[in-house]
Amino acid sequence: MKLTVVSAGLSTPSSTRLLADRLAESARDELAAKGRAPSTEVVELRELAGDIANHLVTGFPPPRLSAAIDAVTAADGLIVVTPVFAASYSGLFKSFFDVIDPDALSGKPVLIAATGGTARHSLALEHAVRPLFAYLRAVVVPTAVFAASEDWGSGGDEYTEGLPGRVRRAGVELATLMAARPVGEEPEDDVTVLERQLADLRFD
């Protein structure tokens, strides 16, 4: 079983990469509890920016970009994390998924997440990122995780669930979808998979 993480952070270190790592850890822990031991590969889009631009112009992916595309399309589950700019995903994030075959993510479990300076940007996940992966016919988990600057180190309060709780919930949802189908088995109809797998999600 393979888990691929796509991070579109632009700096080093990056809060986008930090969130991606926490989500991956949560999903791996849940998969381990289910008796699965996934391999994990991280795709840092910052390192592929030039290759993505060249591919958009020439139509031919350089070797590093080709390997990254293969890692995404061959994964049993994806975690994708973008910084939010101008109330939407970053151009680098969108450009990467523009060079992937539109049918390659059909039926694939995907956890979407984003980072931003203020919680006012959190709806970008629902009005921009989720529709993108719905168009690609991926199976997007119910919980989308947004981390604003003030979320780091926050445990939440009696009215809201803090970032660690949201990370755990999203990781459980992704792991449940990934573990629902035996590795190597051909996917069923997308709608059937979504209805059955999401109906199986249970939380204490």
C-alpha atoms as a PDB file:
ATOM      1  CA  MET A   1       0.000   0.000   0.000  1.00  0.00           C
ATOM      2  CA  LYS A   2       1.331   3.401  -0.971  1.00  0.00           C
ATOM      3  CA  LEU A   3       0.543   6.842   0.441  1.00  0.00           C
ATOM      4  CA  THR A   4       1.708   9.856  -1.565  1.00  0.00           C
ATOM      5  CA  VAL A   5       1.878  13.344  -0.068  1.00  0.00           C
ATOM      6  CA  VAL A   6       1.904  16.443  -2.288  1.00  0.00           C
ATOM      7  CA  SER A   7       3.113  19.652  -0.638  1.00  0.00           C
ATOM      8  CA  ALA A   8       2.987  22.985  -2.470  1.00  0.00           C
ATOM      9  CA  GLY A   9       4.810  25.006   0.180  1.00  0.00           C
ATOM     10  CA  LEU A  10       7.254  27.572  -1.161  1.00  0.00           C
ATOM     11  CA  SER A  11       9.596  28.095   1.787  1.00  0.00           C
ATOM     12  CA  THR A  12      11.965  25.946   3.829  1.00  0.00           C
ATOM     13  CA  PRO A  13      10.841  25.153   6.464  1.00  0.00           C
ATOM     14  CA  SER A  14       7.211  25.389   5.424  1.00  0.00           C
ATOM     15  CA  SER A  15       4.011  25.278   7.473  1.00  0.00           C
ATOM     16  CA  THR A  16       2.444  23.581   4.440  1.00  0.00           C
ATOM     17  CA  ARG A  17       4.973  20.748   4.634  1.00  0.00           C
ATOM     18  CA  LEU A  18       4.571  20.570   8.411  1.00  0.00           C
ATOM     19  CA  LEU A  19       0.812  20.104   8.048  1.00  0.00           C
ATOM     20  CA  ALA A  20       1.375  17.521   5.307  1.00  0.00           C
ATOM     21  CA  ASP A  21       3.713  15.541   7.576  1.00  0.00           C
ATOM     22  CA  ARG A  22       1.232  15.582  10.467  1.00  0.00           C
ATOM     23  CA  LEU A  23      -1.587  14.390   8.248  1.00  0.00           C
ATOM     24  CA  ALA A  24       0.590  11.610   6.824  1.00  0.00           C
ATOM     25  CA  GLU A  25       1.533  10.495  10.336  1.00  0.00           C
ATOM     26  CA  SER A  26      -2.123  10.397  11.356  1.00  0.00           C
ATOM     27  CA  ALA A  27      -3.097   8.318   8.314  1.00  0.00           C
ATOM     28  CA  ARG A  28      -0.152   5.933   8.796  1.00  0.00           C
ATOM     29  CA  ASP A  29      -0.994   5.424  12.468  1.00  0.00           C
ATOM     30  CA  GLU A  30      -4.592   4.552  11.612  1.00  0.00           C
ATOM     31  CA  LEU A  31      -3.522   2.223   8.800  1.00  0.00           C
ATOM     32  CA  ALA A  32      -1.092   0.510  11.180  1.00  0.00           C
ATOM     33  CA  ALA A  33      -3.969  -0.012  13.606  1.00  0.00           C
ATOM     34  CA  LYS A  34      -5.830  -1.696  10.741  1.00  0.00           C
ATOM     35  CA  GLY A  35      -2.898  -4.001  10.028  1.00  0.00           C
ATOM     36  CA  ARG A  36      -1.577  -2.081   7.015  1.00  0.00           C
ATOM     37  CA  ALA A  37       1.938  -0.707   6.652  1.00  0.00           C
ATOM     38  CA  PRO A  38       1.997   1.838   3.812  1.00  0.00           C
ATOM     39  CA  SER A  39       5.103   3.222   2.186  1.00  0.00           C
ATOM     40  CA  THR A  40       5.093   7.018   2.033  1.00  0.00           C
ATOM     41  CA  GLU A  41       6.479   9.296  -0.660  1.00  0.00           C
ATOM     42  CA  VAL A  42       6.502  13.089  -0.425  1.00  0.00           C
ATOM     43  CA  VAL A  43       6.353  15.227  -3.572  1.00  0.00           C
ATOM     44  CA  GLU A  44       7.675  18.761  -2.949  1.00  0.00           C
ATOM     45  CA  LEU A  45       6.299  20.893  -5.779  1.00  0.00           C
ATOM     46  CA  ARG A  46       8.716  23.738  -4.986  1.00  0.00           C
ATOM     47  CA  GLU A  47      11.516  21.542  -6.326  1.00  0.00           C
ATOM     48  CA  LEU A  48       9.579  20.827  -9.543  1.00  0.00           C
ATOM     49  CA  ALA A  49       8.419  24.349 -10.467  1.00  0.00           C
ATOM     50  CA  GLY A  50      10.713  24.670 -13.487  1.00  0.00           C
ATOM     51  CA  ASP A  51       9.905  21.163 -14.715  1.00  0.00           C
ATOM     52  CA  ILE A  52       6.164  21.829 -14.448  1.00  0.00           C
ATOM     53  CA  ALA A  53       6.496  25.032 -16.483  1.00  0.00           C
ATOM     54  CA  ASN A  54       8.542  23.222 -19.146  1.00  0.00           C
ATOM     55  CA  HIS A  55       5.968  20.443 -19.366  1.00  0.00           C
ATOM     56  CA  LEU A  56       3.128  22.925 -19.809  1.00  0.00           C
ATOM     57  CA  VAL A  57       5.002  24.461 -22.758  1.00  0.00           C
ATOM     58  CA  THR A  58       6.482  21.341 -24.390  1.00  0.00           C
ATOM     59  CA  GLY A  59       4.029  18.606 -23.399  1.00  0.00           C
ATOM     60  CA  PHE A  60       6.893  16.369 -22.257  1.00  0.00           C
ATOM     61  CA  PRO A  61       7.638  15.881 -18.534  1.00  0.00           C
ATOM     62  CA  PRO A  62      11.312  15.881 -17.457  1.00  0.00           C
ATOM     63  CA  PRO A  63      12.376  12.746 -15.533  1.00  0.00           C
ATOM     64  CA  ARG A  64      11.874  14.181 -12.031  1.00  0.00           C
ATOM     65  CA  LEU A  65       8.391  15.429 -12.864  1.00  0.00           C
ATOM     66  CA  SER A  66       7.523  12.141 -14.554  1.00  0.00           C
ATOM     67  CA  ALA A  67       8.539  10.283 -11.377  1.00  0.00           C
ATOM     68  CA  ALA A  68       6.374  12.619  -9.275  1.00  0.00           C
ATOM     69  CA  ILE A  69       3.376  12.088 -11.550  1.00  0.00           C
ATOM     70  CA  ASP A  70       3.872   8.329 -11.320  1.00  0.00           C
ATOM     71  CA  ALA A  71       4.011   8.559  -7.521  1.00  0.00           C
ATOM     72  CA  VAL A  72       0.660  10.348  -7.481  1.00  0.00           C
ATOM     73  CA  THR A  73      -1.138   8.187 -10.019  1.00  0.00           C
ATOM     74  CA  ALA A  74       0.122   4.897  -8.517  1.00  0.00           C
ATOM     75  CA  ALA A  75      -0.791   5.814  -4.930  1.00  0.00           C
ATOM     76  CA  ASP A  76      -3.517   4.047  -2.976  1.00  0.00           C
ATOM     77  CA  GLY A  77      -4.244   7.345  -1.223  1.00  0.00           C
ATOM     78  CA  LEU A  78      -3.221  10.999  -1.552  1.00  0.00           C
ATOM     79  CA  ILE A  79      -2.691  13.859   0.859  1.00  0.00           C
ATOM     80  CA  VAL A  80      -2.545  17.217  -0.936  1.00  0.00           C
ATOM     81  CA  VAL A  81      -1.674  20.462   0.858  1.00  0.00           C
ATOM     82  CA  THR A  82      -1.497  23.952  -0.644  1.00  0.00           C
ATOM     83  CA  PRO A  83      -0.893  27.416   0.736  1.00  0.00           C
ATOM     84  CA  VAL A  84      -3.787  29.777   0.052  1.00  0.00           C
ATOM     85  CA  PHE A  85      -3.097  32.829  -2.110  1.00  0.00           C
ATOM     86  CA  ALA A  86      -5.812  35.299  -3.180  1.00  0.00           C
ATOM     87  CA  ALA A  87      -8.506  33.064  -1.659  1.00  0.00           C
ATOM     88  CA  SER A  88      -7.565  29.970  -3.693  1.00  0.00           C
ATOM     89  CA  TYR A  89      -4.930  27.267  -4.166  1.00  0.00           C
ATOM     90  CA  SER A  90      -1.499  28.320  -5.361  1.00  0.00           C
ATOM     91  CA  GLY A  91      -0.683  28.479  -9.065  1.00  0.00           C
ATOM     92  CA  LEU A  92       2.049  25.886  -8.572  1.00  0.00           C
ATOM     93  CA  PHE A  93      -0.432  23.466  -6.981  1.00  0.00           C
ATOM     94  CA  LYS A  94      -2.946  23.889  -9.809  1.00  0.00           C
ATOM     95  CA  SER A  95      -0.272  23.654 -12.512  1.00  0.00           C
ATOM     96  CA  PHE A  96       0.934  20.311 -11.165  1.00  0.00           C
ATOM     97  CA  PHE A  97      -2.509  18.756 -11.285  1.00  0.00           C
ATOM     98  CA  ASP A  98      -3.034  20.290 -14.735  1.00  0.00           C
ATOM     99  CA  VAL A  99      -0.248  18.072 -16.132  1.00  0.00           C
ATOM    100  CA  ILE A 100      -1.768  14.865 -14.704  1.00  0.00           C
ATOM    101  CA  ASP A 101      -4.151  12.877 -16.882  1.00  0.00           C
ATOM    102  CA  PRO A 102      -7.699  13.890 -15.871  1.00  0.00           C
ATOM    103  CA  ASP A 103      -8.723  10.226 -15.479  1.00  0.00           C
ATOM    104  CA  ALA A 104      -5.712   9.186 -13.386  1.00  0.00           C
ATOM    105  CA  LEU A 105      -7.238  10.105 -10.018  1.00  0.00           C
ATOM    106  CA  SER A 106     -10.677   8.612 -10.621  1.00  0.00           C
ATOM    107  CA  GLY A 107     -11.838   6.775  -7.494  1.00  0.00           C
ATOM    108  CA  LYS A 108      -8.637   7.549  -5.573  1.00  0.00           C
ATOM    109  CA  PRO A 109      -9.011   8.549  -1.886  1.00  0.00           C
ATOM    110  CA  VAL A 110      -7.747  12.107  -1.348  1.00  0.00           C
ATOM    111  CA  LEU A 111      -7.334  14.181   1.801  1.00  0.00           C
ATOM    112  CA  ILE A 112      -7.279  17.918   1.057  1.00  0.00           C
ATOM    113  CA  ALA A 113      -5.632  20.515   3.293  1.00  0.00           C
ATOM    114  CA  ALA A 114      -4.354  24.079   3.169  1.00  0.00           C
ATOM    115  CA  THR A 115      -2.454  26.684   5.160  1.00  0.00           C
ATOM    116  CA  GLY A 116      -2.871  30.438   5.378  1.00  0.00           C
ATOM    117  CA  GLY A 117      -2.159  33.455   7.516  1.00  0.00           C
ATOM    118  CA  THR A 118      -5.729  33.820   8.743  1.00  0.00           C
ATOM    119  CA  ALA A 119      -8.762  31.596   9.229  1.00  0.00           C
ATOM    120  CA  ARG A 120     -10.685  33.835   6.817  1.00  0.00           C
ATOM    121  CA  HIS A 121      -9.043  31.841   4.005  1.00  0.00           C
ATOM    122  CA  SER A 122     -10.342  28.475   5.226  1.00  0.00           C
ATOM    123  CA  LEU A 123     -13.292  28.346   2.825  1.00  0.00           C
ATOM    124  CA  ALA A 124     -10.827  28.100  -0.065  1.00  0.00           C
ATOM    125  CA  LEU A 125     -10.777  24.373   0.648  1.00  0.00           C
ATOM    126  CA  GLU A 126     -14.503  24.082  -0.026  1.00  0.00           C
ATOM    127  CA  HIS A 127     -14.933  26.513  -2.931  1.00  0.00           C
ATOM    128  CA  ALA A 128     -11.652  25.803  -4.759  1.00  0.00           C
ATOM    129  CA  VAL A 129      -9.738  22.665  -3.719  1.00  0.00           C
ATOM    130  CA  ARG A 130     -12.650  20.256  -3.180  1.00  0.00           C
ATOM    131  CA  PRO A 131     -14.290  21.142  -6.550  1.00  0.00           C
ATOM    132  CA  LEU A 132     -10.958  20.557  -8.305  1.00  0.00           C
ATOM    133  CA  PHE A 133     -10.732  16.971  -7.044  1.00  0.00           C
ATOM    134  CA  ALA A 134     -14.442  16.397  -7.550  1.00  0.00           C
ATOM    135  CA  TYR A 135     -13.858  17.301 -11.204  1.00  0.00           C
ATOM    136  CA  LEU A 136     -11.026  14.741 -11.288  1.00  0.00           C
ATOM    137  CA  ARG A 137     -13.509  12.194  -9.839  1.00  0.00           C
ATOM    138  CA  ALA A 138     -11.383  11.495  -6.784  1.00  0.00           C
ATOM    139  CA  VAL A 139     -13.028  10.374  -3.534  1.00  0.00           C
ATOM    140  CA  VAL A 140     -12.377  13.328  -1.218  1.00  0.00           C
ATOM    141  CA  VAL A 141     -12.633  12.655   2.518  1.00  0.00           C
ATOM    142  CA  PRO A 142     -15.288  14.654   4.412  1.00  0.00           C
ATOM    143  CA  THR A 143     -12.873  16.501   6.697  1.00  0.00           C
ATOM    144  CA  ALA A 144     -10.743  19.160   5.002  1.00  0.00           C
ATOM    145  CA  VAL A 145      -7.988  20.550   7.230  1.00  0.00           C
ATOM    146  CA  PHE A 146      -7.073  24.229   7.222  1.00  0.00           C
ATOM    147  CA  ALA A 147      -4.290  25.554   9.440  1.00  0.00           C
ATOM    148  CA  ALA A 148      -4.029  29.283  10.047  1.00  0.00           C
ATOM    149  CA  SER A 149      -1.066  30.801  11.852  1.00  0.00           C
ATOM    150  CA  GLU A 150      -2.936  30.833  15.166  1.00  0.00           C
ATOM    151  CA  ASP A 151      -3.864  27.142  14.880  1.00  0.00           C
ATOM    152  CA  TRP A 152      -0.372  25.860  15.535  1.00  0.00           C
ATOM    153  CA  GLY A 153      -0.171  24.792  19.149  1.00  0.00           C
ATOM    154  CA  SER A 154      -3.916  25.274  19.643  1.00  0.00           C
ATOM    155  CA  GLY A 155      -5.958  22.538  21.256  1.00  0.00           C
ATOM    156  CA  GLY A 156      -9.274  24.190  20.510  1.00  0.00           C
ATOM    157  CA  ASP A 157     -11.933  25.020  23.071  1.00  0.00           C
ATOM    158  CA  GLU A 158     -15.351  23.773  24.184  1.00  0.00           C
ATOM    159  CA  TYR A 159     -16.925  25.013  20.942  1.00  0.00           C
ATOM    160  CA  THR A 160     -14.299  24.168  18.334  1.00  0.00           C
ATOM    161  CA  GLU A 161     -12.050  21.231  17.545  1.00  0.00           C
ATOM    162  CA  GLY A 162      -8.371  22.194  17.522  1.00  0.00           C
ATOM    163  CA  LEU A 163      -5.916  21.426  14.738  1.00  0.00           C
ATOM    164  CA  PRO A 164      -4.683  18.134  16.291  1.00  0.00           C
ATOM    165  CA  GLY A 165      -8.260  16.847  16.446  1.00  0.00           C
ATOM    166  CA  ARG A 166      -8.961  17.821  12.843  1.00  0.00           C
ATOM    167  CA  VAL A 167      -5.722  16.187  11.711  1.00  0.00           C
ATOM    168  CA  ARG A 168      -6.637  12.968  13.505  1.00  0.00           C
ATOM    169  CA  ARG A 169     -10.175  12.922  12.118  1.00  0.00           C
ATOM    170  CA  ALA A 170      -9.006  13.493   8.543  1.00  0.00           C
ATOM    171  CA  GLY A 171      -6.286  10.858   8.886  1.00  0.00           C
ATOM    172  CA  VAL A 172      -8.827   8.307  10.123  1.00  0.00           C
ATOM    173  CA  GLU A 173     -11.140   9.081   7.208  1.00  0.00           C
ATOM    174  CA  LEU A 174      -8.370   8.683   4.630  1.00  0.00           C
ATOM    175  CA  ALA A 175      -7.058   5.472   6.185  1.00  0.00           C
ATOM    176  CA  THR A 176     -10.583   4.020   6.285  1.00  0.00           C
ATOM    177  CA  LEU A 177     -11.054   4.662   2.574  1.00  0.00           C
ATOM    178  CA  MET A 178      -7.609   3.296   1.709  1.00  0.00           C
ATOM    179  CA  ALA A 179      -8.079   0.129   3.755  1.00  0.00           C
ATOM    180  CA  ALA A 180     -11.590  -0.591   2.456  1.00  0.00           C
ATOM    181  CA  ARG A 181     -10.375  -2.117  -0.825  1.00  0.00           C
ATOM    182  CA  PRO A 182      -7.672  -4.829  -1.022  1.00  0.00           C
ATOM    183  CA  VAL A 183      -4.461  -3.576  -2.615  1.00  0.00           C
ATOM    184  CA  GLY A 184      -4.319  -4.272  -6.339  1.00  0.00           C
ATOM    185  CA  GLU A 185      -8.053  -4.814  -6.746  1.00  0.00           C
ATOM    186  CA  GLU A 186      -9.716  -2.965  -9.614  1.00  0.00           C
ATOM    187  CA  PRO A 187     -11.812  -0.002  -8.418  1.00  0.00           C
ATOM    188  CA  GLU A 188     -15.595  -0.174  -8.475  1.00  0.00           C
ATOM    189  CA  ASP A 189     -17.888   2.538  -9.743  1.00  0.00           C
ATOM    190  CA  ASP A 190     -16.874   5.813  -8.044  1.00  0.00           C
ATOM    191  CA  VAL A 191     -20.311   6.590  -6.628  1.00  0.00           C
ATOM    192  CA  THR A 192     -20.706   3.076  -5.194  1.00  0.00           C
ATOM    193  CA  VAL A 193     -17.306   3.273  -3.536  1.00  0.00           C
ATOM    194  CA  LEU A 194     -18.012   6.696  -2.067  1.00  0.00           C
ATOM    195  CA  GLU A 195     -21.416   5.761  -0.664  1.00  0.00           C
ATOM    196  CA  ARG A 196     -20.276   2.478   0.875  1.00  0.00           C
ATOM    197  CA  GLN A 197     -16.948   3.655   2.285  1.00  0.00           C
ATOM    198  CA  LEU A 198     -18.208   6.884   3.785  1.00  0.00           C
ATOM    199  CA  ALA A 199     -21.124   5.002   5.350  1.00  0.00           C
ATOM    200  CA  ASP A 200     -18.565   2.799   7.119  1.00  0.00           C
ATOM    201  CA  LEU A 201     -16.819   5.719   8.827  1.00  0.00           C
ATOM    202  CA  ARG A 202     -17.355   5.633  12.578  1.00  0.00           C
ATOM    203  CA  PHE A 203     -15.896   7.873  15.271  1.00  0.00           C
ATOM    204  CA  ASP A 204     -15.933   7.546  19.041  1.00  0.00           C
END
